[in-house]
All heavy atoms as atom14 arrays in JSON, in Angstrom:
{
  "sequence": "EHAMDPDAFLAEVHAIDLSELDAAPALGEAIGALPGRKLVYTNGSR",
  "atom14_mask": [
    [1, 1, 1, 1, 1, 1, 1, 1, 1, 0, 0, 0, 0, 0],
    [1, 1, 1, 1, 1, 1, 1, 1, 1, 1, 0, 0, 0, 0],
    [1, 1, 1, 1, 1, 0, 0, 0, 0, 0, 0, 0, 0, 0],
    [1, 1, 1, 1, 1, 1, 1, 1, 0, 0, 0, 0, 0, 0],
    [1, 1, 1, 1, 1, 1, 1, 1, 0, 0, 0, 0, 0, 0],
    [1, 1, 1, 1, 1, 1, 1, 0, 0, 0, 0, 0, 0, 0],
    [1, 1, 1, 1, 1, 1, 1, 1, 0, 0, 0, 0, 0, 0],
    [1, 1, 1, 1, 1, 0, 0, 0, 0, 0, 0, 0, 0, 0],
    [1, 1, 1, 1, 1, 1, 1, 1, 1, 1, 1, 0, 0, 0],
    [1, 1, 1, 1, 1, 1, 1, 1, 0, 0, 0, 0, 0, 0],
    [1, 1, 1, 1, 1, 0, 0, 0, 0, 0, 0, 0, 0, 0],
    [1, 1, 1, 1, 1, 1, 1, 1, 1, 0, 0, 0, 0, 0],
    [1, 1, 1, 1, 1, 1, 1, 0, 0, 0, 0, 0, 0, 0],
    [1, 1, 1, 1, 1, 1, 1, 1, 1, 1, 0, 0, 0, 0],
    [1, 1, 1, 1, 1, 0, 0, 0, 0, 0, 0, 0, 0, 0],
    [1, 1, 1, 1, 1, 1, 1, 1, 0, 0, 0, 0, 0, 0],
    [1, 1, 1, 1, 1, 1, 1, 1, 0, 0, 0, 0, 0, 0],
    [1, 1, 1, 1, 1, 1, 1, 1, 0, 0, 0, 0, 0, 0],
    [1, 1, 1, 1, 1, 1, 0, 0, 0, 0, 0, 0, 0, 0],
    [1, 1, 1, 1, 1, 1, 1, 1, 1, 0, 0, 0, 0, 0],
    [1, 1, 1, 1, 1, 1, 1, 1, 0, 0, 0, 0, 0, 0],
    [1, 1, 1, 1, 1, 1, 1, 1, 0, 0, 0, 0, 0, 0],
    [1, 1, 1, 1, 1, 0, 0, 0, 0, 0, 0, 0, 0, 0],
    [1, 1, 1, 1, 1, 0, 0, 0, 0, 0, 0, 0, 0, 0],
    [1, 1, 1, 1, 1, 1, 1, 0, 0, 0, 0, 0, 0, 0],
    [1, 1, 1, 1, 1, 0, 0, 0, 0, 0, 0, 0, 0, 0],
    [1, 1, 1, 1, 1, 1, 1, 1, 0, 0, 0, 0, 0, 0],
    [1, 1, 1, 1, 0, 0, 0, 0, 0, 0, 0, 0, 0, 0],
    [1, 1, 1, 1, 1, 1, 1, 1, 1, 0, 0, 0, 0, 0],
    [1, 1, 1, 1, 1, 0, 0, 0, 0, 0, 0, 0, 0, 0],
    [1, 1, 1, 1, 1, 1, 1, 1, 0, 0, 0, 0, 0, 0],
    [1, 1, 1, 1, 0, 0, 0, 0, 0, 0, 0, 0, 0, 0],
    [1, 1, 1, 1, 1, 0, 0, 0, 0, 0, 0, 0, 0, 0],
    [1, 1, 1, 1, 1, 1, 1, 1, 0, 0, 0, 0, 0, 0],
    [1, 1, 1, 1, 1, 1, 1, 0, 0, 0, 0, 0, 0, 0],
    [1, 1, 1, 1, 0, 0, 0, 0, 0, 0, 0, 0, 0, 0],
    [1, 1, 1, 1, 1, 1, 1, 1, 1, 1, 1, 0, 0, 0],
    [1, 1, 1, 1, 1, 1, 1, 1, 1, 0, 0, 0, 0, 0],
    [1, 1, 1, 1, 1, 1, 1, 1, 0, 0, 0, 0, 0, 0],
    [1, 1, 1, 1, 1, 1, 1, 0, 0, 0, 0, 0, 0, 0],
    [1, 1, 1, 1, 1, 1, 1, 1, 1, 1, 1, 1, 0, 0],
    [1, 1, 1, 1, 1, 1, 1, 0, 0, 0, 0, 0, 0, 0],
    [1, 1, 1, 1, 1, 1, 1, 1, 0, 0, 0, 0, 0, 0],
    [1, 1, 1, 1, 0, 0, 0, 0, 0, 0, 0, 0, 0, 0],
    [1, 1, 1, 1, 1, 1, 0, 0, 0, 0, 0, 0, 0, 0],
    [1, 1, 1, 1, 1, 1, 1, 1, 1, 1, 1, 0, 0, 0]
  ],
  "atom14_positions": [
    [[0.8, -1.2, -0.02], [-0.02, 0.0, -0.02], [0.83, 1.32, -0.05], [0.42, 2.37, -0.43], [-0.94, -0.08, 1.2], [-1.9, -1.14, 1.3], [-3.17, -1.04, 0.43], [-3.3, -0.03, -0.23], [-3.83, -2.04, 0.29], [0.0, 0.0, 0.0], [0.0, 0.0, 0.0], [0.0, 0.0, 0.0], [0.0, 0.0, 0.0], [0.0, 0.0, 0.0]],
    [[2.14, 1.25, 0.5], [2.76, 2.45, 0.67], [4.33, 2.3, 0.2], [5.2, 3.2, 0.51], [2.7, 2.78, 2.13], [1.56, 2.89, 2.76], [0.61, 4.04, 2.38], [0.69, 2.08, 3.6], [-0.5, 3.8, 3.16], [-0.49, 2.73, 3.73], [0.0, 0.0, 0.0], [0.0, 0.0, 0.0], [0.0, 0.0, 0.0], [0.0, 0.0, 0.0]],
    [[4.73, 1.22, -0.43], [6.0, 1.03, -1.01], [7.09, 1.28, 0.09], [8.18, 1.7, -0.1], [6.23, 1.99, -2.06], [0.0, 0.0, 0.0], [0.0, 0.0, 0.0], [0.0, 0.0, 0.0], [0.0, 0.0, 0.0], [0.0, 0.0, 0.0], [0.0, 0.0, 0.0], [0.0, 0.0, 0.0], [0.0, 0.0, 0.0], [0.0, 0.0, 0.0]],
    [[6.78, 0.73, 1.31], [7.77, 0.76, 2.4], [9.01, -0.02, 2.09], [8.86, -1.27, 1.62], [7.21, 0.43, 3.71], [8.09, 0.37, 4.84], [7.45, 0.0, 6.49], [6.66, 1.57, 6.96], [0.0, 0.0, 0.0], [0.0, 0.0, 0.0], [0.0, 0.0, 0.0], [0.0, 0.0, 0.0], [0.0, 0.0, 0.0], [0.0, 0.0, 0.0]],
    [[10.18, 0.41, 2.48], [11.43, -0.28, 2.4], [11.5, -1.32, 3.55], [11.44, -1.01, 4.8], [12.64, 0.59, 2.52], [13.95, -0.19, 2.65], [13.99, -1.43, 2.34], [14.94, 0.44, 3.09], [0.0, 0.0, 0.0], [0.0, 0.0, 0.0], [0.0, 0.0, 0.0], [0.0, 0.0, 0.0], [0.0, 0.0, 0.0], [0.0, 0.0, 0.0]],
    [[11.45, -2.66, 3.31], [11.32, -3.72, 4.41], [12.52, -3.76, 5.24], [12.42, -4.12, 6.39], [11.12, -5.01, 3.65], [11.67, -4.68, 2.33], [11.44, -3.32, 2.04], [0.0, 0.0, 0.0], [0.0, 0.0, 0.0], [0.0, 0.0, 0.0], [0.0, 0.0, 0.0], [0.0, 0.0, 0.0], [0.0, 0.0, 0.0], [0.0, 0.0, 0.0]],
    [[13.74, -3.58, 4.64], [15.0, -3.76, 5.46], [15.05, -2.81, 6.69], [15.37, -3.22, 7.82], [16.15, -3.62, 4.48], [16.29, -4.67, 3.51], [15.68, -5.8, 3.68], [16.8, -4.44, 2.41], [0.0, 0.0, 0.0], [0.0, 0.0, 0.0], [0.0, 0.0, 0.0], [0.0, 0.0, 0.0], [0.0, 0.0, 0.0], [0.0, 0.0, 0.0]],
    [[14.74, -1.57, 6.4], [14.82, -0.47, 7.5], [13.75, -0.82, 8.51], [14.06, -0.69, 9.74], [14.61, 0.84, 6.96], [0.0, 0.0, 0.0], [0.0, 0.0, 0.0], [0.0, 0.0, 0.0], [0.0, 0.0, 0.0], [0.0, 0.0, 0.0], [0.0, 0.0, 0.0], [0.0, 0.0, 0.0], [0.0, 0.0, 0.0], [0.0, 0.0, 0.0]],
    [[12.55, -1.25, 8.1], [11.47, -1.54, 9.04], [11.93, -2.73, 9.94], [11.69, -2.63, 11.18], [10.25, -1.89, 8.17], [9.1, -2.28, 9.12], [8.09, -1.42, 9.55], [8.72, -3.7, 9.27], [7.0, -1.72, 10.29], [7.66, -4.09, 9.88], [6.78, -3.12, 10.49], [0.0, 0.0, 0.0], [0.0, 0.0, 0.0], [0.0, 0.0, 0.0]],
    [[12.31, -3.79, 9.23], [12.69, -4.96, 10.18], [13.74, -4.69, 11.14], [13.75, -5.18, 12.26], [13.08, -6.14, 9.15], [11.93, -6.89, 8.34], [12.57, -7.7, 7.36], [10.93, -7.52, 9.27], [0.0, 0.0, 0.0], [0.0, 0.0, 0.0], [0.0, 0.0, 0.0], [0.0, 0.0, 0.0], [0.0, 0.0, 0.0], [0.0, 0.0, 0.0]],
    [[14.8, -3.94, 10.59], [15.93, -3.65, 11.61], [15.49, -2.88, 12.81], [15.85, -3.16, 13.98], [16.92, -2.84, 10.82], [0.0, 0.0, 0.0], [0.0, 0.0, 0.0], [0.0, 0.0, 0.0], [0.0, 0.0, 0.0], [0.0, 0.0, 0.0], [0.0, 0.0, 0.0], [0.0, 0.0, 0.0], [0.0, 0.0, 0.0], [0.0, 0.0, 0.0]],
    [[14.57, -1.92, 12.62], [13.99, -1.11, 13.6], [13.14, -1.85, 14.7], [13.26, -1.85, 15.79], [13.3, 0.03, 13.11], [12.56, 0.95, 14.09], [13.53, 1.53, 15.2], [14.82, 1.72, 14.84], [13.11, 1.86, 16.33], [0.0, 0.0, 0.0], [0.0, 0.0, 0.0], [0.0, 0.0, 0.0], [0.0, 0.0, 0.0], [0.0, 0.0, 0.0]],
    [[12.09, -2.55, 14.06], [11.12, -3.17, 14.95], [11.58, -4.37, 15.72], [10.97, -4.69, 16.7], [9.79, -3.57, 14.23], [9.3, -2.29, 13.52], [10.04, -4.65, 13.22], [0.0, 0.0, 0.0], [0.0, 0.0, 0.0], [0.0, 0.0, 0.0], [0.0, 0.0, 0.0], [0.0, 0.0, 0.0], [0.0, 0.0, 0.0], [0.0, 0.0, 0.0]],
    [[12.72, -5.0, 15.29], [13.17, -6.16, 15.93], [14.33, -5.76, 16.86], [15.06, -6.75, 17.45], [13.61, -7.17, 15.02], [12.4, -7.93, 14.47], [12.38, -8.29, 13.03], [11.24, -8.33, 14.84], [11.18, -8.89, 12.82], [10.56, -8.92, 13.9], [0.0, 0.0, 0.0], [0.0, 0.0, 0.0], [0.0, 0.0, 0.0], [0.0, 0.0, 0.0]],
    [[14.66, -4.54, 16.95], [15.68, -4.06, 18.04], [15.14, -4.05, 19.35], [14.87, -2.85, 19.78], [16.35, -2.79, 17.46], [0.0, 0.0, 0.0], [0.0, 0.0, 0.0], [0.0, 0.0, 0.0], [0.0, 0.0, 0.0], [0.0, 0.0, 0.0], [0.0, 0.0, 0.0], [0.0, 0.0, 0.0], [0.0, 0.0, 0.0], [0.0, 0.0, 0.0]],
    [[14.9, -5.15, 20.01], [14.25, -5.15, 21.29], [15.13, -5.74, 22.32], [16.24, -6.32, 22.11], [12.95, -6.0, 21.08], [13.24, -7.55, 20.72], [12.03, -5.42, 20.19], [12.06, -8.41, 20.93], [0.0, 0.0, 0.0], [0.0, 0.0, 0.0], [0.0, 0.0, 0.0], [0.0, 0.0, 0.0], [0.0, 0.0, 0.0], [0.0, 0.0, 0.0]],
    [[14.7, -5.5, 23.58], [15.43, -5.94, 24.78], [14.95, -7.33, 25.08], [13.8, -7.64, 25.39], [14.96, -5.06, 25.97], [15.67, -5.48, 27.28], [16.49, -6.28, 27.31], [15.3, -4.94, 28.29], [0.0, 0.0, 0.0], [0.0, 0.0, 0.0], [0.0, 0.0, 0.0], [0.0, 0.0, 0.0], [0.0, 0.0, 0.0], [0.0, 0.0, 0.0]],
    [[15.88, -8.27, 25.1], [15.59, -9.78, 25.33], [15.9, -10.17, 26.82], [15.85, -11.27, 27.06], [16.41, -10.61, 24.35], [16.09, -10.37, 22.86], [16.97, -11.32, 22.05], [14.62, -10.73, 22.63], [0.0, 0.0, 0.0], [0.0, 0.0, 0.0], [0.0, 0.0, 0.0], [0.0, 0.0, 0.0], [0.0, 0.0, 0.0], [0.0, 0.0, 0.0]],
    [[16.19, -9.13, 27.6], [16.67, -9.53, 28.98], [15.5, -10.39, 29.75], [15.91, -11.02, 30.66], [16.95, -8.3, 29.76], [15.85, -7.41, 29.85], [0.0, 0.0, 0.0], [0.0, 0.0, 0.0], [0.0, 0.0, 0.0], [0.0, 0.0, 0.0], [0.0, 0.0, 0.0], [0.0, 0.0, 0.0], [0.0, 0.0, 0.0], [0.0, 0.0, 0.0]],
    [[14.31, -10.16, 29.41], [13.21, -11.0, 30.2], [13.14, -12.39, 29.62], [12.46, -13.18, 30.45], [11.86, -10.32, 29.82], [10.63, -10.85, 30.67], [9.37, -10.06, 30.36], [9.45, -8.99, 29.77], [8.38, -10.6, 30.95], [0.0, 0.0, 0.0], [0.0, 0.0, 0.0], [0.0, 0.0, 0.0], [0.0, 0.0, 0.0], [0.0, 0.0, 0.0]],
    [[13.72, -12.72, 28.58], [13.86, -14.06, 28.09], [14.9, -14.95, 28.67], [16.06, -14.58, 28.56], [14.1, -13.98, 26.57], [13.7, -15.31, 25.75], [12.21, -15.82, 25.86], [14.04, -14.94, 24.35], [0.0, 0.0, 0.0], [0.0, 0.0, 0.0], [0.0, 0.0, 0.0], [0.0, 0.0, 0.0], [0.0, 0.0, 0.0], [0.0, 0.0, 0.0]],
    [[14.44, -16.0, 29.38], [15.41, -16.87, 30.1], [15.74, -18.14, 29.18], [14.95, -18.55, 28.26], [14.87, -17.36, 31.44], [14.58, -16.31, 32.45], [15.4, -15.38, 32.44], [13.54, -16.36, 33.16], [0.0, 0.0, 0.0], [0.0, 0.0, 0.0], [0.0, 0.0, 0.0], [0.0, 0.0, 0.0], [0.0, 0.0, 0.0], [0.0, 0.0, 0.0]],
    [[16.95, -18.76, 29.48], [17.32, -19.95, 28.77], [16.29, -21.04, 29.07], [15.62, -21.06, 30.17], [18.64, -20.41, 29.32], [0.0, 0.0, 0.0], [0.0, 0.0, 0.0], [0.0, 0.0, 0.0], [0.0, 0.0, 0.0], [0.0, 0.0, 0.0], [0.0, 0.0, 0.0], [0.0, 0.0, 0.0], [0.0, 0.0, 0.0], [0.0, 0.0, 0.0]],
    [[16.09, -21.94, 28.09], [14.98, -22.89, 28.24], [15.66, -24.27, 27.98], [15.36, -24.87, 26.86], [13.94, -22.62, 27.24], [0.0, 0.0, 0.0], [0.0, 0.0, 0.0], [0.0, 0.0, 0.0], [0.0, 0.0, 0.0], [0.0, 0.0, 0.0], [0.0, 0.0, 0.0], [0.0, 0.0, 0.0], [0.0, 0.0, 0.0], [0.0, 0.0, 0.0]],
    [[16.45, -24.78, 28.93], [17.25, -26.13, 28.68], [16.3, -27.19, 28.45], [16.49, -28.11, 27.7], [17.99, -26.27, 29.87], [17.53, -25.42, 30.95], [16.84, -24.09, 30.17], [0.0, 0.0, 0.0], [0.0, 0.0, 0.0], [0.0, 0.0, 0.0], [0.0, 0.0, 0.0], [0.0, 0.0, 0.0], [0.0, 0.0, 0.0], [0.0, 0.0, 0.0]],
    [[15.17, -27.34, 29.18], [14.2, -28.39, 29.12], [13.52, -28.45, 27.78], [13.44, -29.47, 27.11], [13.14, -28.25, 30.24], [0.0, 0.0, 0.0], [0.0, 0.0, 0.0], [0.0, 0.0, 0.0], [0.0, 0.0, 0.0], [0.0, 0.0, 0.0], [0.0, 0.0, 0.0], [0.0, 0.0, 0.0], [0.0, 0.0, 0.0], [0.0, 0.0, 0.0]],
    [[13.27, -27.19, 27.21], [12.66, -27.13, 25.85], [13.68, -27.64, 24.86], [13.45, -28.37, 23.99], [12.29, -25.71, 25.48], [11.74, -25.43, 24.12], [10.56, -26.36, 23.82], [11.45, -24.01, 23.9], [0.0, 0.0, 0.0], [0.0, 0.0, 0.0], [0.0, 0.0, 0.0], [0.0, 0.0, 0.0], [0.0, 0.0, 0.0], [0.0, 0.0, 0.0]],
    [[14.98, -27.16, 25.01], [16.07, -27.7, 24.17], [16.29, -29.11, 24.1], [16.4, -29.59, 23.07], [0.0, 0.0, 0.0], [0.0, 0.0, 0.0], [0.0, 0.0, 0.0], [0.0, 0.0, 0.0], [0.0, 0.0, 0.0], [0.0, 0.0, 0.0], [0.0, 0.0, 0.0], [0.0, 0.0, 0.0], [0.0, 0.0, 0.0], [0.0, 0.0, 0.0]],
    [[16.26, -29.67, 25.32], [16.38, -31.15, 25.43], [15.2, -31.81, 24.66], [15.38, -32.82, 24.03], [16.45, -31.51, 26.87], [16.64, -33.04, 27.09], [16.72, -33.48, 28.48], [16.64, -32.54, 29.37], [16.76, -34.65, 28.76], [0.0, 0.0, 0.0], [0.0, 0.0, 0.0], [0.0, 0.0, 0.0], [0.0, 0.0, 0.0], [0.0, 0.0, 0.0]],
    [[14.07, -31.28, 24.8], [12.9, -31.93, 24.17], [12.94, -31.85, 22.62], [12.59, -32.82, 21.93], [11.54, -31.28, 24.81], [0.0, 0.0, 0.0], [0.0, 0.0, 0.0], [0.0, 0.0, 0.0], [0.0, 0.0, 0.0], [0.0, 0.0, 0.0], [0.0, 0.0, 0.0], [0.0, 0.0, 0.0], [0.0, 0.0, 0.0], [0.0, 0.0, 0.0]],
    [[13.35, -30.69, 22.19], [13.6, -30.4, 20.76], [14.61, -31.31, 20.22], [14.53, -32.04, 19.2], [13.79, -29.03, 20.51], [12.45, -28.15, 20.73], [14.2, -28.83, 18.95], [12.58, -26.69, 20.65], [0.0, 0.0, 0.0], [0.0, 0.0, 0.0], [0.0, 0.0, 0.0], [0.0, 0.0, 0.0], [0.0, 0.0, 0.0], [0.0, 0.0, 0.0]],
    [[15.71, -31.24, 20.95], [16.93, -32.15, 20.54], [16.68, -33.56, 20.42], [17.24, -34.27, 19.56], [0.0, 0.0, 0.0], [0.0, 0.0, 0.0], [0.0, 0.0, 0.0], [0.0, 0.0, 0.0], [0.0, 0.0, 0.0], [0.0, 0.0, 0.0], [0.0, 0.0, 0.0], [0.0, 0.0, 0.0], [0.0, 0.0, 0.0], [0.0, 0.0, 0.0]],
    [[15.81, -34.06, 21.2], [15.42, -35.56, 21.21], [14.52, -35.98, 20.16], [14.3, -37.17, 19.76], [14.74, -35.89, 22.46], [0.0, 0.0, 0.0], [0.0, 0.0, 0.0], [0.0, 0.0, 0.0], [0.0, 0.0, 0.0], [0.0, 0.0, 0.0], [0.0, 0.0, 0.0], [0.0, 0.0, 0.0], [0.0, 0.0, 0.0], [0.0, 0.0, 0.0]],
    [[13.95, -35.03, 19.36], [13.02, -35.41, 18.3], [13.94, -35.86, 17.03], [14.94, -35.34, 16.75], [12.32, -34.1, 17.74], [11.36, -33.51, 18.81], [10.86, -32.09, 18.23], [10.16, -34.47, 19.07], [0.0, 0.0, 0.0], [0.0, 0.0, 0.0], [0.0, 0.0, 0.0], [0.0, 0.0, 0.0], [0.0, 0.0, 0.0], [0.0, 0.0, 0.0]],
    [[13.33, -36.86, 16.48], [14.15, -37.57, 15.28], [13.97, -36.54, 13.96], [12.94, -36.04, 13.63], [13.38, -38.86, 15.09], [12.05, -38.65, 15.62], [12.24, -37.69, 16.72], [0.0, 0.0, 0.0], [0.0, 0.0, 0.0], [0.0, 0.0, 0.0], [0.0, 0.0, 0.0], [0.0, 0.0, 0.0], [0.0, 0.0, 0.0], [0.0, 0.0, 0.0]],
    [[15.01, -36.44, 13.36], [14.98, -35.71, 12.16], [15.39, -34.2, 12.31], [16.06, -33.74, 13.17], [0.0, 0.0, 0.0], [0.0, 0.0, 0.0], [0.0, 0.0, 0.0], [0.0, 0.0, 0.0], [0.0, 0.0, 0.0], [0.0, 0.0, 0.0], [0.0, 0.0, 0.0], [0.0, 0.0, 0.0], [0.0, 0.0, 0.0], [0.0, 0.0, 0.0]],
    [[15.08, -33.43, 11.2], [15.46, -31.99, 11.17], [14.52, -31.07, 12.01], [13.37, -31.51, 12.02], [15.33, -31.51, 9.74], [16.47, -31.93, 8.83], [16.26, -31.26, 7.5], [15.06, -31.62, 6.82], [14.66, -31.2, 5.77], [15.23, -30.22, 5.15], [13.48, -31.47, 5.23], [0.0, 0.0, 0.0], [0.0, 0.0, 0.0], [0.0, 0.0, 0.0]],
    [[15.06, -30.08, 12.45], [14.17, -29.01, 13.2], [14.57, -27.75, 12.39], [15.64, -27.25, 12.31], [14.46, -28.87, 14.67], [14.23, -30.23, 15.39], [15.51, -31.07, 15.49], [15.2, -32.31, 16.27], [16.38, -33.24, 16.38], [0.0, 0.0, 0.0], [0.0, 0.0, 0.0], [0.0, 0.0, 0.0], [0.0, 0.0, 0.0], [0.0, 0.0, 0.0]],
    [[13.47, -27.03, 12.03], [13.48, -25.76, 11.36], [12.72, -24.64, 12.07], [11.61, -25.01, 12.63], [13.14, -25.86, 9.94], [13.88, -26.95, 9.06], [13.06, -27.19, 7.84], [15.2, -26.47, 8.8], [0.0, 0.0, 0.0], [0.0, 0.0, 0.0], [0.0, 0.0, 0.0], [0.0, 0.0, 0.0], [0.0, 0.0, 0.0], [0.0, 0.0, 0.0]],
    [[13.12, -23.43, 12.11], [12.29, -22.41, 12.42], [11.72, -21.61, 11.2], [12.47, -21.33, 10.33], [13.14, -21.43, 13.33], [12.33, -20.08, 13.5], [13.42, -21.93, 14.69], [0.0, 0.0, 0.0], [0.0, 0.0, 0.0], [0.0, 0.0, 0.0], [0.0, 0.0, 0.0], [0.0, 0.0, 0.0], [0.0, 0.0, 0.0], [0.0, 0.0, 0.0]],
    [[10.39, -21.41, 11.13], [9.69, -20.76, 10.13], [9.04, -19.52, 10.71], [8.0, -19.77, 11.41], [8.79, -21.7, 9.43], [8.08, -21.02, 8.25], [8.31, -19.84, 7.75], [7.15, -21.85, 7.52], [7.65, -19.3, 6.57], [6.43, -21.31, 6.37], [6.7, -20.12, 6.09], [6.02, -19.62, 4.88], [0.0, 0.0, 0.0], [0.0, 0.0, 0.0]],
    [[9.52, -18.35, 10.42], [8.99, -17.09, 11.14], [8.62, -16.08, 10.12], [9.28, -15.88, 9.1], [9.99, -16.55, 12.13], [9.5, -15.32, 12.67], [11.21, -16.26, 11.5], [0.0, 0.0, 0.0], [0.0, 0.0, 0.0], [0.0, 0.0, 0.0], [0.0, 0.0, 0.0], [0.0, 0.0, 0.0], [0.0, 0.0, 0.0], [0.0, 0.0, 0.0]],
    [[7.57, -15.29, 10.44], [7.22, -14.1, 9.58], [8.22, -12.93, 9.89], [8.05, -11.81, 9.37], [5.82, -13.72, 9.74], [4.87, -14.43, 8.81], [5.37, -15.05, 7.87], [3.53, -14.36, 9.12], [0.0, 0.0, 0.0], [0.0, 0.0, 0.0], [0.0, 0.0, 0.0], [0.0, 0.0, 0.0], [0.0, 0.0, 0.0], [0.0, 0.0, 0.0]],
    [[9.04, -13.09, 11.02], [9.99, -12.04, 11.36], [11.36, -12.22, 10.57], [11.43, -12.95, 9.53], [0.0, 0.0, 0.0], [0.0, 0.0, 0.0], [0.0, 0.0, 0.0], [0.0, 0.0, 0.0], [0.0, 0.0, 0.0], [0.0, 0.0, 0.0], [0.0, 0.0, 0.0], [0.0, 0.0, 0.0], [0.0, 0.0, 0.0], [0.0, 0.0, 0.0]],
    [[12.37, -11.58, 11.05], [13.72, -11.51, 10.5], [14.56, -12.68, 10.99], [14.37, -13.11, 12.21], [14.29, -10.18, 10.5], [14.73, -10.07, 11.91], [0.0, 0.0, 0.0], [0.0, 0.0, 0.0], [0.0, 0.0, 0.0], [0.0, 0.0, 0.0], [0.0, 0.0, 0.0], [0.0, 0.0, 0.0], [0.0, 0.0, 0.0], [0.0, 0.0, 0.0]],
    [[15.51, -13.04, 10.17], [16.55, -14.02, 10.56], [17.3, -13.46, 11.77], [17.57, -14.2, 12.78], [17.46, -14.31, 9.54], [18.73, -15.36, 9.84], [19.56, -15.55, 8.71], [18.99, -16.57, 7.95], [19.04, -17.92, 8.07], [19.82, -18.42, 9.11], [18.56, -18.65, 7.16], [0.0, 0.0, 0.0], [0.0, 0.0, 0.0], [0.0, 0.0, 0.0]]
  ]
}
């Protein structure tokens, strides 16, 4: 609708404070135990 430059937008909106996010070792262990590939598919930026 407005021909916005996506790169500048993504860089700005994802520059956030992650201090509230804690490590999740139990989740990591559960994901790691799954057989095969694990991929992240997000509408956000890499």
